[in-house]
C-alpha atoms as a PDB file:
ATOM      1  CA  MET A   1       0.757   0.006   0.191  1.00  0.00           C
ATOM      2  CA  THR A   2       1.464   3.456  -0.815  1.00  0.00           C
ATOM      3  CA  GLY A   3       2.824   5.613   1.978  1.00  0.00           C
ATOM      4  CA  GLY A   4       4.649   3.209   4.118  1.00  0.00           C
ATOM      5  CA  ALA A   5       1.784   0.819   4.853  1.00  0.00           C
ATOM      6  CA  MET A   6       0.120   3.656   6.187  1.00  0.00           C
ATOM      7  CA  GLU A   7      -2.434   4.486   3.452  1.00  0.00           C
ATOM      8  CA  LEU A   8      -4.972   3.070   1.042  1.00  0.00           C
ATOM      9  CA  SER A   9      -5.399   4.215  -2.391  1.00  0.00           C
ATOM     10  CA  LEU A  10      -8.850   3.974  -4.286  1.00  0.00           C
ATOM     11  CA  GLN A  11      -6.495   1.999  -7.187  1.00  0.00           C
ATOM     12  CA  GLU A  12      -5.801   0.066  -4.316  1.00  0.00           C
ATOM     13  CA  LEU A  13      -8.927  -0.214  -2.825  1.00  0.00           C
ATOM     14  CA  GLU A  14     -10.302  -1.170  -6.813  1.00  0.00           C
ATOM     15  CA  ALA A  15      -8.154  -4.308  -6.981  1.00  0.00           C
ATOM     16  CA  ALA A  16      -8.831  -5.373  -2.882  1.00  0.00           C
ATOM     17  CA  ILE A  17     -12.503  -5.201  -4.407  1.00  0.00           C
ATOM     18  CA  ASN A  18     -11.992  -7.238  -7.520  1.00  0.00           C
ATOM     19  CA  TYR A  19      -9.742 -10.285  -5.330  1.00  0.00           C
ATOM     20  CA  TRP A  20     -12.513 -10.688  -3.010  1.00  0.00           C
ATOM     21  CA  ARG A  21     -14.780 -10.355  -6.021  1.00  0.00           C
ATOM     22  CA  GLU A  22     -13.334 -13.224  -7.577  1.00  0.00           C
ATOM     23  CA  ARG A  23     -13.312 -15.316  -4.362  1.00  0.00           C
ATOM     24  CA  ARG A  24     -16.471 -14.449  -2.926  1.00  0.00           C
ATOM     25  CA  PRO A  25     -18.804 -14.007  -5.844  1.00  0.00           C
ATOM     26  CA  ALA A  26     -22.484 -12.231  -6.141  1.00  0.00           C
ATOM     27  CA  ARG A  27     -24.794 -15.610  -5.446  1.00  0.00           C
ATOM     28  CA  GLY A  28     -28.459 -15.986  -5.651  1.00  0.00           C
ATOM     29  CA  ASN A  29     -30.845 -14.355  -7.687  1.00  0.00           C
ATOM     30  CA  GLU A  30     -30.645 -11.317  -6.580  1.00  0.00           C
ATOM     31  CA  TYR A  31     -26.704 -11.719  -7.068  1.00  0.00           C
ATOM     32  CA  ALA A  32     -25.930 -10.070  -3.165  1.00  0.00           C
ATOM     33  CA  LEU A  33     -22.569  -8.360  -2.438  1.00  0.00           C
ATOM     34  CA  SER A  34     -20.753 -11.033  -0.290  1.00  0.00           C
ATOM     35  CA  ALA A  35     -19.868  -9.821   2.779  1.00  0.00           C
ATOM     36  CA  GLU A  36     -16.284  -8.790   2.099  1.00  0.00           C
ATOM     37  CA  VAL A  37     -16.979  -7.299  -1.074  1.00  0.00           C
ATOM     38  CA  ASN A  38     -19.505  -5.270   0.501  1.00  0.00           C
ATOM     39  CA  ILE A  39     -17.177  -3.939   3.708  1.00  0.00           C
ATOM     40  CA  LEU A  40     -14.773  -3.125   1.047  1.00  0.00           C
ATOM     41  CA  ALA A  41     -17.537  -1.107  -1.510  1.00  0.00           C
ATOM     42  CA  LYS A  42     -18.756   0.902   1.154  1.00  0.00           C
ATOM     43  CA  LEU A  43     -15.520   1.980   1.717  1.00  0.00           C
ATOM     44  CA  TYR A  44     -15.438   3.048  -1.874  1.00  0.00           C
ATOM     45  CA  ALA A  45     -18.739   4.519  -2.667  1.00  0.00           C
ATOM     46  CA  LEU A  46     -17.352   7.107   0.317  1.00  0.00           C
ATOM     47  CA  MET A  47     -14.903   8.048  -0.958  1.00  0.00           C
ATOM     48  CA  ILE A  48     -15.997   8.500  -4.198  1.00  0.00           C
ATOM     49  CA  PHE A  49     -18.473  10.855  -2.461  1.00  0.00           C
ATOM     50  CA  ASP A  50     -15.916  12.668  -0.495  1.00  0.00           C
ATOM     51  CA  HIS A  51     -13.194  12.346  -3.633  1.00  0.00           C
ATOM     52  CA  ALA A  52     -10.645  11.057  -1.440  1.00  0.00           C
ATOM     53  CA  PRO A  53      -8.081   9.992  -3.356  1.00  0.00           C
ATOM     54  CA  SER A  54      -7.316   7.939  -0.374  1.00  0.00           C
ATOM     55  CA  LEU A  55      -7.815   6.134   2.941  1.00  0.00           C
ATOM     56  CA  THR A  56      -5.465   6.140   6.353  1.00  0.00           C
ATOM     57  CA  LEU A  57      -5.538   2.704   7.643  1.00  0.00           C
ATOM     58  CA  GLU A  58      -6.465   4.105  10.976  1.00  0.00           C
ATOM     59  CA  GLN A  59      -9.963   5.289   9.521  1.00  0.00           C
ATOM     60  CA  LEU A  60     -10.775   1.507   8.633  1.00  0.00           C
ATOM     61  CA  ASP A  61     -11.960  -0.952  10.534  1.00  0.00           C
ATOM     62  CA  SER A  62     -10.730  -4.011  12.146  1.00  0.00           C
ATOM     63  CA  SER A  63     -12.206  -6.519   9.289  1.00  0.00           C
ATOM     64  CA  ALA A  64     -11.749  -4.088   6.192  1.00  0.00           C
ATOM     65  CA  ARG A  65      -8.340  -4.495   7.156  1.00  0.00           C
ATOM     66  CA  GLN A  66      -8.017  -7.815   7.914  1.00  0.00           C
ATOM     67  CA  LEU A  67      -9.421  -7.957   4.013  1.00  0.00           C
ATOM     68  CA  LEU A  68      -6.866  -5.859   2.707  1.00  0.00           C
ATOM     69  CA  GLN A  69      -4.626  -7.458   4.970  1.00  0.00           C
ATOM     70  CA  THR A  70      -4.942 -10.959   3.156  1.00  0.00           C
ATOM     71  CA  TRP A  71      -5.581  -9.226  -0.341  1.00  0.00           C
ATOM     72  CA  ARG A  72      -1.764  -7.370   0.079  1.00  0.00           C
ATOM     73  CA  ASP A  73      -0.761 -10.700   1.687  1.00  0.00           C
ATOM     74  CA  THR A  74      -1.296 -12.141  -1.872  1.00  0.00           C
ATOM     75  CA  ARG A  75       0.038 -10.398  -3.823  1.00  0.00           C
ATOM     76  CA  ALA A  76       2.668 -10.660  -5.759  1.00  0.00           C
ATOM     77  CA  PRO A  77       6.325  -8.622  -4.349  1.00  0.00           C
ATOM     78  CA  ASP A  78       6.467  -4.934  -5.793  1.00  0.00           C
END
């Protein structure tokens, strides 16, 4: 993550959402988002609404931080 792992950019959040969408695709007739995607999608919507290019990790709740850490751990080294 950018800023020495202290901030999350919108692009990184998009990548994390796509990672979780592949792992936990929408299900059912209504194509409901998985819990994982829903948590991250809410952050994404708030960032868009607030015109925020990034969030600090301290702004995130523990479930979002855990999802992002799991995504980050699966990425190839930069």
